Amino acid sequence: MHLRLFLIHIWVASIGGAVVIAGLAMGYVTAATFIWGAVIGLALGVPAALLNWVYLRPNRSRQIGWTWPIANRIRAAAKQHPSAR
């Protein structure tokens, strides 16, 4: 549970921050830039963090019932990784 929360925070902040920096660099210095950064950070960061967790903890994700097709592909990729051997 703690790893999932940590990954979600890191992914959302990283993606949201990148969007805000890109918006500010293009000259959009309004509140909308920060709102869009938050929305895009949440929309892309949460699924990315959860899939990252599935990659890092394939057995635990299977135990709690995550049987989505994409989770199965991530688990297969984790099994092929050299550090898993």
PDB file of N, CA and C in Angstrom:
ATOM      1  N   MET A   1       0.819  -1.197   0.000  1.00  0.00           N
ATOM      2  CA  MET A   1       0.000   0.000   0.000  1.00  0.00           C
ATOM      3  C   MET A   1       0.858   1.254   0.000  1.00  0.00           C
ATOM      4  N   HIS A   2       1.954   1.227   0.765  1.00  0.00           N
ATOM      5  CA  HIS A   2       2.792   2.414   0.838  1.00  0.00           C
ATOM      6  C   HIS A   2       3.525   2.665  -0.473  1.00  0.00           C
ATOM      7  N   LEU A   3       3.974   1.604  -1.122  1.00  0.00           N
ATOM      8  CA  LEU A   3       4.661   1.759  -2.397  1.00  0.00           C
ATOM      9  C   LEU A   3       3.713   2.339  -3.437  1.00  0.00           C
ATOM     10  N   ARG A   4       2.468   1.861  -3.455  1.00  0.00           N
ATOM     11  CA  ARG A   4       1.498   2.394  -4.409  1.00  0.00           C
ATOM     12  C   ARG A   4       1.284   3.880  -4.204  1.00  0.00           C
ATOM     13  N   LEU A   5       1.101   4.303  -2.950  1.00  0.00           N
ATOM     14  CA  LEU A   5       0.886   5.726  -2.666  1.00  0.00           C
ATOM     15  C   LEU A   5       2.103   6.559  -3.062  1.00  0.00           C
ATOM     16  N   PHE A   6       3.289   6.054  -2.766  1.00  0.00           N
ATOM     17  CA  PHE A   6       4.504   6.761  -3.136  1.00  0.00           C
ATOM     18  C   PHE A   6       4.605   6.919  -4.656  1.00  0.00           C
ATOM     19  N   LEU A   7       4.356   5.830  -5.387  1.00  0.00           N
ATOM     20  CA  LEU A   7       4.436   5.885  -6.844  1.00  0.00           C
ATOM     21  C   LEU A   7       3.393   6.834  -7.428  1.00  0.00           C
ATOM     22  N   ILE A   8       2.193   6.824  -6.877  1.00  0.00           N
ATOM     23  CA  ILE A   8       1.150   7.726  -7.379  1.00  0.00           C
ATOM     24  C   ILE A   8       1.573   9.176  -7.188  1.00  0.00           C
ATOM     25  N   HIS A   9       2.080   9.511  -6.010  1.00  0.00           N
ATOM     26  CA  HIS A   9       2.509  10.888  -5.771  1.00  0.00           C
ATOM     27  C   HIS A   9       3.635  11.303  -6.711  1.00  0.00           C
ATOM     28  N   ILE A  10       4.606  10.441  -6.883  1.00  0.00           N
ATOM     29  CA  ILE A  10       5.743  10.760  -7.751  1.00  0.00           C
ATOM     30  C   ILE A  10       5.301  10.932  -9.206  1.00  0.00           C
ATOM     31  N   TRP A  11       4.508   9.994  -9.711  1.00  0.00           N
ATOM     32  CA  TRP A  11       4.069  10.074 -11.105  1.00  0.00           C
ATOM     33  C   TRP A  11       3.183  11.292 -11.357  1.00  0.00           C
ATOM     34  N   VAL A  12       2.205  11.543 -10.485  1.00  0.00           N
ATOM     35  CA  VAL A  12       1.301  12.682 -10.692  1.00  0.00           C
ATOM     36  C   VAL A  12       2.076  13.993 -10.630  1.00  0.00           C
ATOM     37  N   ALA A  13       2.958  14.126  -9.656  1.00  0.00           N
ATOM     38  CA  ALA A  13       3.737  15.363  -9.532  1.00  0.00           C
ATOM     39  C   ALA A  13       4.673  15.558 -10.722  1.00  0.00           C
ATOM     40  N   SER A  14       5.279  14.490 -11.196  1.00  0.00           N
ATOM     41  CA  SER A  14       6.207  14.610 -12.322  1.00  0.00           C
ATOM     42  C   SER A  14       5.484  15.017 -13.608  1.00  0.00           C
ATOM     43  N   ILE A  15       4.397  14.341 -13.899  1.00  0.00           N
ATOM     44  CA  ILE A  15       3.659  14.660 -15.129  1.00  0.00           C
ATOM     45  C   ILE A  15       3.012  16.036 -15.019  1.00  0.00           C
ATOM     46  N   GLY A  16       2.376  16.320 -13.886  1.00  0.00           N
ATOM     47  CA  GLY A  16       1.758  17.632 -13.694  1.00  0.00           C
ATOM     48  C   GLY A  16       2.784  18.747 -13.767  1.00  0.00           C
ATOM     49  N   GLY A  17       3.945  18.550 -13.160  1.00  0.00           N
ATOM     50  CA  GLY A  17       4.993  19.561 -13.203  1.00  0.00           C
ATOM     51  C   GLY A  17       5.513  19.787 -14.605  1.00  0.00           C
ATOM     52  N   ALA A  18       5.663  18.723 -15.365  1.00  0.00           N
ATOM     53  CA  ALA A  18       6.122  18.861 -16.749  1.00  0.00           C
ATOM     54  C   ALA A  18       5.119  19.635 -17.590  1.00  0.00           C
ATOM     55  N   VAL A  19       3.831  19.395 -17.368  1.00  0.00           N
ATOM     56  CA  VAL A  19       2.799  20.115 -18.109  1.00  0.00           C
ATOM     57  C   VAL A  19       2.808  21.593 -17.736  1.00  0.00           C
ATOM     58  N   VAL A  20       2.937  21.890 -16.451  1.00  0.00           N
ATOM     59  CA  VAL A  20       2.966  23.284 -16.010  1.00  0.00           C
ATOM     60  C   VAL A  20       4.200  23.992 -16.573  1.00  0.00           C
ATOM     61  N   ILE A  21       5.350  23.347 -16.522  1.00  0.00           N
ATOM     62  CA  ILE A  21       6.572  23.958 -17.062  1.00  0.00           C
ATOM     63  C   ILE A  21       6.432  24.215 -18.561  1.00  0.00           C
ATOM     64  N   ALA A  22       5.873  23.251 -19.272  1.00  0.00           N
ATOM     65  CA  ALA A  22       5.676  23.434 -20.714  1.00  0.00           C
ATOM     66  C   ALA A  22       4.713  24.594 -20.984  1.00  0.00           C
ATOM     67  N   GLY A  23       3.623  24.673 -20.222  1.00  0.00           N
ATOM     68  CA  GLY A  23       2.671  25.767 -20.413  1.00  0.00           C
ATOM     69  C   GLY A  23       3.284  27.121 -20.112  1.00  0.00           C
ATOM     70  N   LEU A  24       4.032  27.205 -19.026  1.00  0.00           N
ATOM     71  CA  LEU A  24       4.671  28.472 -18.680  1.00  0.00           C
ATOM     72  C   LEU A  24       5.736  28.857 -19.701  1.00  0.00           C
ATOM     73  N   ALA A  25       6.458  27.868 -20.218  1.00  0.00           N
ATOM     74  CA  ALA A  25       7.484  28.150 -21.222  1.00  0.00           C
ATOM     75  C   ALA A  25       6.880  28.673 -22.520  1.00  0.00           C
ATOM     76  N   MET A  26       5.645  28.261 -22.808  1.00  0.00           N
ATOM     77  CA  MET A  26       4.975  28.744 -24.016  1.00  0.00           C
ATOM     78  C   MET A  26       4.270  30.083 -23.790  1.00  0.00           C
ATOM     79  N   GLY A  27       4.339  30.605 -22.570  1.00  0.00           N
ATOM     80  CA  GLY A  27       3.779  31.920 -22.305  1.00  0.00           C
ATOM     81  C   GLY A  27       2.376  31.928 -21.724  1.00  0.00           C
ATOM     82  N   TYR A  28       1.844  30.786 -21.369  1.00  0.00           N
ATOM     83  CA  TYR A  28       0.516  30.711 -20.773  1.00  0.00           C
ATOM     84  C   TYR A  28       0.647  30.874 -19.256  1.00  0.00           C
ATOM     85  N   VAL A  29       0.645  32.117 -18.809  1.00  0.00           N
ATOM     86  CA  VAL A  29       0.838  32.406 -17.391  1.00  0.00           C
ATOM     87  C   VAL A  29      -0.531  32.766 -16.797  1.00  0.00           C
ATOM     88  N   THR A  30      -1.387  31.760 -16.680  1.00  0.00           N
ATOM     89  CA  THR A  30      -2.710  31.944 -16.090  1.00  0.00           C
ATOM     90  C   THR A  30      -2.988  30.783 -15.143  1.00  0.00           C
ATOM     91  N   ALA A  31      -4.084  30.905 -14.428  1.00  0.00           N
ATOM     92  CA  ALA A  31      -4.479  29.826 -13.516  1.00  0.00           C
ATOM     93  C   ALA A  31      -4.837  28.557 -14.292  1.00  0.00           C
ATOM     94  N   ALA A  32      -5.301  28.725 -15.526  1.00  0.00           N
ATOM     95  CA  ALA A  32      -5.680  27.567 -16.340  1.00  0.00           C
ATOM     96  C   ALA A  32      -4.488  26.637 -16.586  1.00  0.00           C
ATOM     97  N   THR A  33      -3.297  27.203 -16.677  1.00  0.00           N
ATOM     98  CA  THR A  33      -2.097  26.377 -16.872  1.00  0.00           C
ATOM     99  C   THR A  33      -1.927  25.395 -15.719  1.00  0.00           C
ATOM    100  N   PHE A  34      -2.124  25.883 -14.507  1.00  0.00           N
ATOM    101  CA  PHE A  34      -1.962  25.028 -13.327  1.00  0.00           C
ATOM    102  C   PHE A  34      -3.108  24.030 -13.198  1.00  0.00           C
ATOM    103  N   ILE A  35      -4.300  24.443 -13.574  1.00  0.00           N
ATOM    104  CA  ILE A  35      -5.449  23.525 -13.538  1.00  0.00           C
ATOM    105  C   ILE A  35      -5.241  22.402 -14.545  1.00  0.00           C
ATOM    106  N   TRP A  36      -4.813  22.761 -15.765  1.00  0.00           N
ATOM    107  CA  TRP A  36      -4.552  21.740 -16.770  1.00  0.00           C
ATOM    108  C   TRP A  36      -3.428  20.809 -16.331  1.00  0.00           C
ATOM    109  N   GLY A  37      -2.417  21.371 -15.677  1.00  0.00           N
ATOM    110  CA  GLY A  37      -1.330  20.539 -15.161  1.00  0.00           C
ATOM    111  C   GLY A  37      -1.828  19.522 -14.152  1.00  0.00           C
ATOM    112  N   ALA A  38      -2.723  19.964 -13.269  1.00  0.00           N
ATOM    113  CA  ALA A  38      -3.273  19.052 -12.266  1.00  0.00           C
ATOM    114  C   ALA A  38      -4.144  17.979 -12.906  1.00  0.00           C
ATOM    115  N   VAL A  39      -4.991  18.376 -13.835  1.00  0.00           N
ATOM    116  CA  VAL A  39      -5.905  17.418 -14.480  1.00  0.00           C
ATOM    117  C   VAL A  39      -5.121  16.384 -15.292  1.00  0.00           C
ATOM    118  N   ILE A  40      -4.172  16.847 -16.089  1.00  0.00           N
ATOM    119  CA  ILE A  40      -3.392  15.917 -16.909  1.00  0.00           C
ATOM    120  C   ILE A  40      -2.499  15.052 -16.029  1.00  0.00           C
ATOM    121  N   GLY A  41      -1.955  15.638 -14.960  1.00  0.00           N
ATOM    122  CA  GLY A  41      -1.142  14.853 -14.036  1.00  0.00           C
ATOM    123  C   GLY A  41      -1.933  13.726 -13.403  1.00  0.00           C
ATOM    124  N   LEU A  42      -3.150  14.007 -12.993  1.00  0.00           N
ATOM    125  CA  LEU A  42      -3.991  12.960 -12.403  1.00  0.00           C
ATOM    126  C   LEU A  42      -4.424  11.928 -13.441  1.00  0.00           C
ATOM    127  N   ALA A  43      -4.824  12.416 -14.622  1.00  0.00           N
ATOM    128  CA  ALA A  43      -5.338  11.512 -15.653  1.00  0.00           C
ATOM    129  C   ALA A  43      -4.279  10.550 -16.175  1.00  0.00           C
ATOM    130  N   LEU A  44      -3.049  11.002 -16.265  1.00  0.00           N
ATOM    131  CA  LEU A  44      -1.983  10.133 -16.772  1.00  0.00           C
ATOM    132  C   LEU A  44      -1.141   9.518 -15.664  1.00  0.00           C
ATOM    133  N   GLY A  45      -0.987  10.222 -14.555  1.00  0.00           N
ATOM    134  CA  GLY A  45      -0.104   9.768 -13.492  1.00  0.00           C
ATOM    135  C   GLY A  45      -0.634   8.594 -12.694  1.00  0.00           C
ATOM    136  N   VAL A  46      -1.923   8.590 -12.391  1.00  0.00           N
ATOM    137  CA  VAL A  46      -2.475   7.501 -11.579  1.00  0.00           C
ATOM    138  C   VAL A  46      -2.412   6.155 -12.318  1.00  0.00           C
ATOM    139  N   PRO A  47      -2.887   6.076 -13.567  1.00  0.00           N
ATOM    140  CA  PRO A  47      -2.749   4.779 -14.254  1.00  0.00           C
ATOM    141  C   PRO A  47      -1.286   4.369 -14.452  1.00  0.00           C
ATOM    142  N   ALA A  48      -0.416   5.328 -14.756  1.00  0.00           N
ATOM    143  CA  ALA A  48       1.001   4.998 -14.943  1.00  0.00           C
ATOM    144  C   ALA A  48       1.607   4.462 -13.656  1.00  0.00           C
ATOM    145  N   ALA A  49       1.274   5.074 -12.529  1.00  0.00           N
ATOM    146  CA  ALA A  49       1.816   4.622 -11.246  1.00  0.00           C
ATOM    147  C   ALA A  49       1.309   3.227 -10.891  1.00  0.00           C
ATOM    148  N   LEU A  50       0.042   2.971 -11.141  1.00  0.00           N
ATOM    149  CA  LEU A  50      -0.496   1.649 -10.825  1.00  0.00           C
ATOM    150  C   LEU A  50       0.106   0.569 -11.714  1.00  0.00           C
ATOM    151  N   LEU A  51       0.316   0.884 -12.981  1.00  0.00           N
ATOM    152  CA  LEU A  51       0.968  -0.095 -13.856  1.00  0.00           C
ATOM    153  C   LEU A  51       2.434  -0.273 -13.471  1.00  0.00           C
ATOM    154  N   ASN A  52       3.080   0.788 -13.015  1.00  0.00           N
ATOM    155  CA  ASN A  52       4.451   0.678 -12.517  1.00  0.00           C
ATOM    156  C   ASN A  52       4.483  -0.234 -11.290  1.00  0.00           C
ATOM    157  N   TRP A  53       3.484  -0.120 -10.423  1.00  0.00           N
ATOM    158  CA  TRP A  53       3.393  -0.984  -9.241  1.00  0.00           C
ATOM    159  C   TRP A  53       3.189  -2.440  -9.651  1.00  0.00           C
ATOM    160  N   VAL A  54       2.350  -2.679 -10.657  1.00  0.00           N
ATOM    161  CA  VAL A  54       2.131  -4.047 -11.146  1.00  0.00           C
ATOM    162  C   VAL A  54       3.447  -4.621 -11.669  1.00  0.00           C
ATOM    163  N   TYR A  55       4.247  -3.800 -12.327  1.00  0.00           N
ATOM    164  CA  TYR A  55       5.541  -4.255 -12.823  1.00  0.00           C
ATOM    165  C   TYR A  55       6.484  -4.613 -11.674  1.00  0.00           C
ATOM    166  N   LEU A  56       6.461  -3.799 -10.619  1.00  0.00           N
ATOM    167  CA  LEU A  56       7.360  -4.026  -9.493  1.00  0.00           C
ATOM    168  C   LEU A  56       6.894  -5.153  -8.575  1.00  0.00           C
ATOM    169  N   ARG A  57       5.589  -5.342  -8.447  1.00  0.00           N
ATOM    170  CA  ARG A  57       5.024  -6.351  -7.539  1.00  0.00           C
ATOM    171  C   ARG A  57       4.023  -7.250  -8.269  1.00  0.00           C
ATOM    172  N   PRO A  58       4.467  -8.048  -9.242  1.00  0.00           N
ATOM    173  CA  PRO A  58       3.531  -8.845 -10.053  1.00  0.00           C
ATOM    174  C   PRO A  58       2.745  -9.871  -9.241  1.00  0.00           C
ATOM    175  N   ASN A  59       3.372 -10.528  -8.273  1.00  0.00           N
ATOM    176  CA  ASN A  59       2.661 -11.545  -7.499  1.00  0.00           C
ATOM    177  C   ASN A  59       1.590 -10.918  -6.611  1.00  0.00           C
ATOM    178  N   ARG A  60       1.929  -9.810  -5.968  1.00  0.00           N
ATOM    179  CA  ARG A  60       0.954  -9.155  -5.086  1.00  0.00           C
ATOM    180  C   ARG A  60      -0.232  -8.621  -5.886  1.00  0.00           C
ATOM    181  N   SER A  61       0.013  -8.078  -7.061  1.00  0.00           N
ATOM    182  CA  SER A  61      -1.103  -7.562  -7.862  1.00  0.00           C
ATOM    183  C   SER A  61      -2.032  -8.692  -8.301  1.00  0.00           C
ATOM    184  N   ARG A  62      -1.471  -9.860  -8.564  1.00  0.00           N
ATOM    185  CA  ARG A  62      -2.305 -11.010  -8.918  1.00  0.00           C
ATOM    186  C   ARG A  62      -3.101 -11.478  -7.701  1.00  0.00           C
ATOM    187  N   GLN A  63      -2.485 -11.448  -6.506  1.00  0.00           N
ATOM    188  CA  GLN A  63      -3.164 -11.893  -5.282  1.00  0.00           C
ATOM    189  C   GLN A  63      -4.393 -11.049  -4.970  1.00  0.00           C
ATOM    190  N   ILE A  64      -4.322  -9.752  -5.226  1.00  0.00           N
ATOM    191  CA  ILE A  64      -5.464  -8.903  -4.882  1.00  0.00           C
ATOM    192  C   ILE A  64      -6.488  -8.816  -5.998  1.00  0.00           C
ATOM    193  N   GLY A  65      -6.254  -9.548  -7.103  1.00  0.00           N
ATOM    194  CA  GLY A  65      -7.282  -9.686  -8.123  1.00  0.00           C
ATOM    195  C   GLY A  65      -7.192  -8.748  -9.296  1.00  0.00           C
ATOM    196  N   TRP A  66      -6.048  -8.189  -9.563  1.00  0.00           N
ATOM    197  CA  TRP A  66      -5.904  -7.330 -10.729  1.00  0.00           C
ATOM    198  C   TRP A  66      -5.680  -8.215 -11.945  1.00  0.00           C
ATOM    199  N   THR A  67      -6.732  -8.475 -12.694  1.00  0.00           N
ATOM    200  CA  THR A  67      -6.648  -9.393 -13.830  1.00  0.00           C
ATOM    201  C   THR A  67      -6.930  -8.689 -15.148  1.00  0.00           C
ATOM    202  N   TRP A  68      -6.681  -7.399 -15.222  1.00  0.00           N
ATOM    203  CA  TRP A  68      -6.889  -6.673 -16.478  1.00  0.00           C
ATOM    204  C   TRP A  68      -5.905  -7.178 -17.525  1.00  0.00           C
ATOM    205  N   PRO A  69      -6.290  -7.128 -18.788  1.00  0.00           N
ATOM    206  CA  PRO A  69      -5.372  -7.591 -19.842  1.00  0.00           C
ATOM    207  C   PRO A  69      -4.038  -6.827 -19.840  1.00  0.00           C
ATOM    208  N   ILE A  70      -4.080  -5.529 -19.605  1.00  0.00           N
ATOM    209  CA  ILE A  70      -2.824  -4.770 -19.616  1.00  0.00           C
ATOM    210  C   ILE A  70      -1.955  -5.137 -18.415  1.00  0.00           C
ATOM    211  N   ALA A  71      -2.564  -5.447 -17.282  1.00  0.00           N
ATOM    212  CA  ALA A  71      -1.784  -5.867 -16.115  1.00  0.00           C
ATOM    213  C   ALA A  71      -1.097  -7.201 -16.391  1.00  0.00           C
ATOM    214  N   ASN A  72      -1.777  -8.082 -17.116  1.00  0.00           N
ATOM    215  CA  ASN A  72      -1.156  -9.364 -17.475  1.00  0.00           C
ATOM    216  C   ASN A  72       0.048  -9.158 -18.390  1.00  0.00           C
ATOM    217  N   ARG A  73      -0.047  -8.182 -19.314  1.00  0.00           N
ATOM    218  CA  ARG A  73       1.088  -7.891 -20.195  1.00  0.00           C
ATOM    219  C   ARG A  73       2.259  -7.305 -19.411  1.00  0.00           C
ATOM    220  N   ILE A  74       1.954  -6.461 -18.440  1.00  0.00           N
ATOM    221  CA  ILE A  74       3.012  -5.865 -17.611  1.00  0.00           C
ATOM    222  C   ILE A  74       3.700  -6.954 -16.785  1.00  0.00           C
ATOM    223  N   ARG A  75       2.903  -7.876 -16.226  1.00  0.00           N
ATOM    224  CA  ARG A  75       3.484  -8.984 -15.459  1.00  0.00           C
ATOM    225  C   ARG A  75       4.391  -9.842 -16.332  1.00  0.00           C
ATOM    226  N   ALA A  76       3.968 -10.086 -17.579  1.00  0.00           N
ATOM    227  CA  ALA A  76       4.787 -10.872 -18.494  1.00  0.00           C
ATOM    228  C   ALA A  76       6.105 -10.155 -18.789  1.00  0.00           C
ATOM    229  N   ALA A  77       6.048  -8.843 -18.928  1.00  0.00           N
ATOM    230  CA  ALA A  77       7.277  -8.069 -19.163  1.00  0.00           C
ATOM    231  C   ALA A  77       8.177  -8.112 -17.937  1.00  0.00           C
ATOM    232  N   ALA A  78       7.579  -8.070 -16.757  1.00  0.00           N
ATOM    233  CA  ALA A  78       8.377  -8.129 -15.528  1.00  0.00           C
ATOM    234  C   ALA A  78       9.056  -9.479 -15.392  1.00  0.00           C
ATOM    235  N   LYS A  79       8.398 -10.531 -15.844  1.00  0.00           N
ATOM    236  CA  LYS A  79       8.959 -11.873 -15.752  1.00  0.00           C
ATOM    237  C   LYS A  79      10.160 -12.033 -16.690  1.00  0.00           C
ATOM    238  N   GLN A  80      10.174 -11.304 -17.807  1.00  0.00           N
ATOM    239  CA  GLN A  80      11.261 -11.400 -18.772  1.00  0.00           C
ATOM    240  C   GLN A  80      12.447 -10.534 -18.400  1.00  0.00           C
ATOM    241  N   HIS A  81      12.273  -9.624 -17.462  1.00  0.00           N
ATOM    242  CA  HIS A  81      13.349  -8.701 -17.089  1.00  0.00           C
ATOM    243  C   HIS A  81      14.501  -9.474 -16.461  1.00  0.00           C
ATOM    244  N   PRO A  82      15.747  -9.126 -16.771  1.00  0.00           N
ATOM    245  CA  PRO A  82      16.909  -9.877 -16.249  1.00  0.00           C
ATOM    246  C   PRO A  82      16.987  -9.915 -14.721  1.00  0.00           C
ATOM    247  N   SER A  83      16.524  -8.884 -14.037  1.00  0.00           N
ATOM    248  CA  SER A  83      16.627  -8.884 -12.573  1.00  0.00           C
ATOM    249  C   SER A  83      15.631  -9.839 -11.919  1.00  0.00           C
ATOM    250  N   ALA A  84      14.637 -10.315 -12.665  1.00  0.00           N
ATOM    251  CA  ALA A  84      13.640 -11.237 -12.108  1.00  0.00           C
ATOM    252  C   ALA A  84      14.150 -12.663 -12.097  1.00  0.00           C
ATOM    253  N   ARG A  85      15.258 -12.911 -12.708  1.00  0.00           N
ATOM    254  CA  ARG A  85      15.772 -14.291 -12.796  1.00  0.00           C
ATOM    255  C   ARG A  85      16.580 -14.667 -11.603  1.00  0.00           C
TER     256      ARG A  85
END
